[in-house]
C-alpha atoms as a PDB file:
ATOM      1  CA  MET A   1       4.765 -29.969  12.386  1.00  0.00           C
ATOM      2  CA  THR A   2       4.411 -31.511  15.734  1.00  0.00           C
ATOM      3  CA  ILE A   3       7.222 -33.394  17.663  1.00  0.00           C
ATOM      4  CA  ASN A   4       5.620 -36.832  16.778  1.00  0.00           C
ATOM      5  CA  SER A   5       5.496 -36.061  13.055  1.00  0.00           C
ATOM      6  CA  TYR A   6       9.237 -35.337  13.385  1.00  0.00           C
ATOM      7  CA  ILE A   7       9.985 -38.359  15.300  1.00  0.00           C
ATOM      8  CA  GLU A   8       8.152 -40.494  12.870  1.00  0.00           C
ATOM      9  CA  THR A   9      10.039 -38.842  10.021  1.00  0.00           C
ATOM     10  CA  PHE A  10      13.462 -39.185  11.812  1.00  0.00           C
ATOM     11  CA  THR A  11      12.510 -42.929  12.109  1.00  0.00           C
ATOM     12  CA  VAL A  12      11.707 -43.581   8.684  1.00  0.00           C
ATOM     13  CA  HIS A  13      15.015 -41.741   7.444  1.00  0.00           C
ATOM     14  CA  LEU A  14      16.992 -43.879  10.075  1.00  0.00           C
ATOM     15  CA  ARG A  15      15.342 -47.042   8.654  1.00  0.00           C
ATOM     16  CA  ILE A  16      16.209 -46.047   5.135  1.00  0.00           C
ATOM     17  CA  ILE A  17      19.828 -45.627   6.406  1.00  0.00           C
ATOM     18  CA  ILE A  18      19.734 -49.103   8.382  1.00  0.00           C
ATOM     19  CA  ASN A  19      18.506 -50.898   5.333  1.00  0.00           C
ATOM     20  CA  ASN A  20      20.674 -49.364   2.812  1.00  0.00           C
ATOM     21  CA  ILE A  21      23.809 -49.417   5.108  1.00  0.00           C
ATOM     22  CA  GLU A  22      25.600 -51.478   2.517  1.00  0.00           C
ATOM     23  CA  SER A  23      24.905 -48.927  -0.355  1.00  0.00           C
ATOM     24  CA  PHE A  24      27.060 -46.193   1.252  1.00  0.00           C
ATOM     25  CA  ASP A  25      30.370 -47.004  -0.102  1.00  0.00           C
ATOM     26  CA  LYS A  26      32.471 -44.972   2.455  1.00  0.00           C
ATOM     27  CA  LYS A  27      31.647 -43.737   5.995  1.00  0.00           C
ATOM     28  CA  GLU A  28      32.019 -40.205   4.851  1.00  0.00           C
ATOM     29  CA  ASN A  29      28.923 -40.606   2.469  1.00  0.00           C
ATOM     30  CA  LEU A  30      26.886 -42.076   5.600  1.00  0.00           C
ATOM     31  CA  MET A  31      28.165 -38.969   7.743  1.00  0.00           C
ATOM     32  CA  LYS A  32      27.116 -36.620   5.089  1.00  0.00           C
ATOM     33  CA  TYR A  33      23.757 -37.952   4.959  1.00  0.00           C
ATOM     34  CA  LEU A  34      23.266 -37.798   8.475  1.00  0.00           C
ATOM     35  CA  LEU A  35      24.420 -34.392   8.592  1.00  0.00           C
ATOM     36  CA  ILE A  36      22.175 -33.242   5.936  1.00  0.00           C
ATOM     37  CA  LEU A  37      19.221 -35.050   7.895  1.00  0.00           C
ATOM     38  CA  ALA A  38      20.164 -33.437  11.272  1.00  0.00           C
ATOM     39  CA  THR A  39      20.514 -30.135   9.590  1.00  0.00           C
ATOM     40  CA  ILE A  40      17.099 -30.203   8.065  1.00  0.00           C
ATOM     41  CA  PHE A  41      15.587 -31.255  11.440  1.00  0.00           C
ATOM     42  CA  SER A  42      17.355 -28.412  13.229  1.00  0.00           C
ATOM     43  CA  LEU A  43      15.994 -25.833  10.717  1.00  0.00           C
ATOM     44  CA  ASN A  44      12.366 -27.124  11.081  1.00  0.00           C
ATOM     45  CA  THR A  45      12.930 -26.820  14.611  1.00  0.00           C
ATOM     46  CA  PHE A  46      14.245 -23.145  14.363  1.00  0.00           C
ATOM     47  CA  ALA A  47      11.424 -22.447  12.241  1.00  0.00           C
ATOM     48  CA  GLU A  48       8.825 -23.567  14.637  1.00  0.00           C
ATOM     49  CA  GLY A  49      10.401 -21.453  17.388  1.00  0.00           C
ATOM     50  CA  THR A  50      10.128 -18.336  15.163  1.00  0.00           C
ATOM     51  CA  LYS A  51       6.725 -19.117  14.526  1.00  0.00           C
ATOM     52  CA  GLU A  52       5.882 -19.501  18.302  1.00  0.00           C
ATOM     53  CA  ALA A  53       7.866 -16.258  19.031  1.00  0.00           C
ATOM     54  CA  LYS A  54       5.654 -14.395  16.516  1.00  0.00           C
ATOM     55  CA  LYS A  55       2.534 -15.797  17.959  1.00  0.00           C
ATOM     56  CA  ALA A  56       3.732 -14.685  21.374  1.00  0.00           C
ATOM     57  CA  GLU A  57       4.381 -11.439  20.071  1.00  0.00           C
ATOM     58  CA  LYS A  58       1.238 -10.856  18.355  1.00  0.00           C
ATOM     59  CA  PHE A  59      -0.440 -11.962  21.586  1.00  0.00           C
ATOM     60  CA  GLU A  60       1.331  -9.212  23.659  1.00  0.00           C
ATOM     61  CA  ALA A  61       0.360  -6.797  21.134  1.00  0.00           C
ATOM     62  CA  ALA A  62      -3.381  -7.742  20.975  1.00  0.00           C
ATOM     63  CA  LYS A  63      -3.280  -7.747  25.000  1.00  0.00           C
ATOM     64  CA  THR A  64      -1.681  -4.300  25.160  1.00  0.00           C
ATOM     65  CA  LYS A  65      -4.389  -2.729  22.639  1.00  0.00           C
ATOM     66  CA  ILE A  66      -7.163  -4.261  24.478  1.00  0.00           C
ATOM     67  CA  LEU A  67      -6.140  -2.911  27.944  1.00  0.00           C
ATOM     68  CA  ALA A  68      -5.459   0.482  26.279  1.00  0.00           C
ATOM     69  CA  GLY A  69      -9.095   0.430  24.773  1.00  0.00           C
ATOM     70  CA  MET A  70     -10.190  -0.414  28.203  1.00  0.00           C
ATOM     71  CA  ASP A  71      -8.239   2.337  30.055  1.00  0.00           C
ATOM     72  CA  GLU A  72      -9.861   4.728  27.337  1.00  0.00           C
ATOM     73  CA  ARG A  73     -13.165   3.626  28.325  1.00  0.00           C
ATOM     74  CA  ILE A  74     -12.670   3.739  31.984  1.00  0.00           C
ATOM     75  CA  SER A  75     -11.310   7.476  31.684  1.00  0.00           C
ATOM     76  CA  ASN A  76     -14.149   8.597  29.498  1.00  0.00           C
ATOM     77  CA  LEU A  77     -16.702   7.033  32.147  1.00  0.00           C
ATOM     78  CA  THR A  78     -14.824   8.782  35.100  1.00  0.00           C
ATOM     79  CA  GLU A  79     -14.983  11.981  33.190  1.00  0.00           C
ATOM     80  CA  GLY A  80     -18.617  11.606  32.594  1.00  0.00           C
ATOM     81  CA  LYS A  81     -19.180  10.459  36.303  1.00  0.00           C
ATOM     82  CA  THR A  82     -17.195  13.911  37.433  1.00  0.00           C
ATOM     83  CA  CYS A  83     -19.075  15.866  35.015  1.00  0.00           C
ATOM     84  CA  ILE A  84     -22.719  14.334  36.165  1.00  0.00           C
ATOM     85  CA  SER A  85     -21.821  14.841  39.767  1.00  0.00           C
ATOM     86  CA  ALA A  86     -20.747  18.729  39.049  1.00  0.00           C
ATOM     87  CA  SER A  87     -23.912  19.330  37.299  1.00  0.00           C
ATOM     88  CA  LYS A  88     -26.062  21.870  38.909  1.00  0.00           C
ATOM     89  CA  ASN A  89     -29.300  21.615  36.711  1.00  0.00           C
ATOM     90  CA  GLN A  90     -31.135  19.830  34.121  1.00  0.00           C
ATOM     91  CA  ASP A  91     -29.121  21.342  31.261  1.00  0.00           C
ATOM     92  CA  ASP A  92     -25.646  20.593  32.710  1.00  0.00           C
ATOM     93  CA  LEU A  93     -26.805  17.085  33.174  1.00  0.00           C
ATOM     94  CA  LYS A  94     -28.031  16.837  29.531  1.00  0.00           C
ATOM     95  CA  ALA A  95     -24.885  18.416  28.196  1.00  0.00           C
ATOM     96  CA  CYS A  96     -22.782  15.813  30.153  1.00  0.00           C
ATOM     97  CA  ARG A  97     -24.667  13.021  28.809  1.00  0.00           C
ATOM     98  CA  ALA A  98     -24.442  14.332  25.157  1.00  0.00           C
ATOM     99  CA  LYS A  99     -20.699  14.811  25.839  1.00  0.00           C
ATOM    100  CA  MET A 100     -20.183  10.967  27.098  1.00  0.00           C
ATOM    101  CA  ARG A 101     -22.458   9.789  24.132  1.00  0.00           C
ATOM    102  CA  GLU A 102     -20.340  11.579  21.546  1.00  0.00           C
ATOM    103  CA  LYS A 103     -16.999  10.103  23.143  1.00  0.00           C
ATOM    104  CA  MET A 104     -18.374   6.645  23.405  1.00  0.00           C
ATOM    105  CA  LYS A 105     -19.609   6.713  19.818  1.00  0.00           C
ATOM    106  CA  GLY A 106     -16.146   7.750  18.923  1.00  0.00           C
ATOM    107  CA  LEU A 107     -14.827   4.780  20.568  1.00  0.00           C
ATOM    108  CA  LYS A 108     -17.512   2.502  19.010  1.00  0.00           C
ATOM    109  CA  GLU A 109     -16.403   3.611  15.738  1.00  0.00           C
ATOM    110  CA  LYS A 110     -12.697   2.885  16.379  1.00  0.00           C
ATOM    111  CA  ARG A 111     -13.728  -0.677  17.476  1.00  0.00           C
ATOM    112  CA  LYS A 112     -15.713  -1.281  14.127  1.00  0.00           C
ATOM    113  CA  GLU A 113     -12.716  -0.015  12.081  1.00  0.00           C
ATOM    114  CA  HIS A 114     -10.358  -2.278  14.255  1.00  0.00           C
ATOM    115  CA  LYS A 115     -12.764  -5.244  13.559  1.00  0.00           C
ATOM    116  CA  LYS A 116     -13.016  -4.605   9.811  1.00  0.00           C
ATOM    117  CA  GLY A 117      -8.927  -4.622   9.969  1.00  0.00           C
ATOM    118  CA  MET A 118      -8.998  -8.010  11.706  1.00  0.00           C
ATOM    119  CA  LYS A 119     -11.368  -9.318   9.258  1.00  0.00           C
ATOM    120  CA  LYS A 120      -9.259  -8.275   6.360  1.00  0.00           C
ATOM    121  CA  ASN A 121      -5.948  -9.552   7.988  1.00  0.00           C
ATOM    122  CA  LYS A 122      -7.509 -13.106   8.649  1.00  0.00           C
ATOM    123  CA  LYS A 123      -8.806 -13.303   5.005  1.00  0.00           C
ATOM    124  CA  LYS A 124      -5.409 -12.285   3.861  1.00  0.00           C
ATOM    125  CA  ASN A 125      -3.810 -15.018   6.123  1.00  0.00           C
ATOM    126  CA  GLN A 126      -6.110 -17.612   4.887  1.00  0.00           C
ATOM    127  CA  GLU A 127      -5.307 -17.138   1.116  1.00  0.00           C
END
C-alpha cells in the first residue's frame, strides 16, 4: 500500500467519525475507535517496513553472490593466463586451454542451475 492510499483510507475513516460523531454515546467509544484505527495503520506501516527490509536483504545477498561468481571467473582467467604464459610448447598450451575450458564449463553449469532455481522461486512467488 502506498502512502497516498493510506492517507485516502484514513481520510475516509475520519469522515465516518465526523459524520457519526453524535452516534458515539461516550467519548470512550470514540477514543476506542480512534485507537483501533491508529493501531491498524501502524501495523500496516510496520508490515511495509518489514517488506522493504526483506527486499534490501535479498538485494544484498544477490549482489554478494554475483560478485563471488565474478571473482571466481576472474580467478580462473588469471590462472589460465599464468598457465599459458608458462607454457613451453604447443602441448602445454593445449593442456592449459583444455583446463580453462573445463573450469569455465563448470561455472556455466553452476549459472544454469542458479537460473533454474531463480525461475522456480519466481513461479512459487507468483502463486
